[in-house]
Amino acid sequence: RADPADPCRGTLHAALLVPGPTVGGRRLARFEGRWAARNGLVATAVAVPYP
């Protein structure tokens, strides 16, 4: 979803289509993160909290 104040930035939500890794005893099923686009490049970032 694009940021209304800056259409070149936004958030992302990604659901895994295969079983994800187990982190801290919990299996990951999705990621949430941010994205930005500039000069023809797109950068994405997600953070996985460790309990």
Protein backbone atom coordinates (compact mmCIF):
# COMPACT_ATOMS: atom_id res chain seq x y z
CA ARG A 1 0.00 0.00 0.00
CA ALA A 2 1.47 3.33 -1.03
CA ASP A 3 1.94 6.14 1.49
CA PRO A 4 -0.50 8.96 0.59
CA ALA A 5 2.15 11.57 1.46
CA ASP A 6 4.80 9.88 -0.73
CA PRO A 7 3.63 7.49 -3.49
CA CYS A 8 7.21 6.16 -3.83
CA ARG A 9 7.05 4.50 -0.38
CA GLY A 10 4.69 2.12 1.34
CA THR A 11 4.09 -1.05 3.31
CA LEU A 12 3.87 -4.65 2.17
CA HIS A 13 2.22 -7.81 3.41
CA ALA A 14 3.40 -11.15 2.00
CA ALA A 15 1.86 -14.56 2.72
CA LEU A 16 4.14 -17.56 2.21
CA LEU A 17 2.84 -20.21 -0.20
CA VAL A 18 4.96 -22.95 1.40
CA PRO A 19 5.61 -23.69 5.08
CA GLY A 20 7.89 -20.98 6.43
CA PRO A 21 10.84 -21.39 8.79
CA THR A 22 10.42 -21.85 12.53
CA VAL A 23 11.73 -18.88 14.51
CA GLY A 24 11.58 -18.88 18.29
CA GLY A 25 9.36 -21.96 18.27
CA ARG A 26 6.78 -20.39 15.93
CA ARG A 27 6.39 -21.10 12.23
CA LEU A 28 6.35 -17.98 10.08
CA ALA A 29 3.39 -17.78 7.69
CA ARG A 30 3.70 -14.17 6.52
CA PHE A 31 5.96 -11.14 6.46
CA GLU A 32 5.19 -7.47 6.89
CA GLY A 33 7.58 -4.77 5.82
CA ARG A 34 8.21 -1.58 3.90
CA TRP A 35 9.19 -0.70 0.34
CA ALA A 36 10.59 2.32 -1.46
CA ALA A 37 11.19 3.10 -5.14
CA ARG A 38 13.59 5.64 -6.61
CA ASN A 39 15.52 6.09 -9.86
CA GLY A 40 14.14 2.86 -11.33
CA LEU A 41 15.05 0.69 -8.30
CA VAL A 42 12.77 -0.88 -5.70
CA ALA A 43 14.04 -1.76 -2.21
CA THR A 44 12.13 -3.90 0.28
CA ALA A 45 12.78 -4.70 3.94
CA VAL A 46 11.19 -7.01 6.49
CA ALA A 47 12.09 -7.59 10.13
CA VAL A 48 11.47 -10.86 11.95
CA PRO A 49 11.19 -10.31 15.71
CA TYR A 50 12.82 -12.93 17.89
CA PRO A 51 10.84 -13.59 21.08
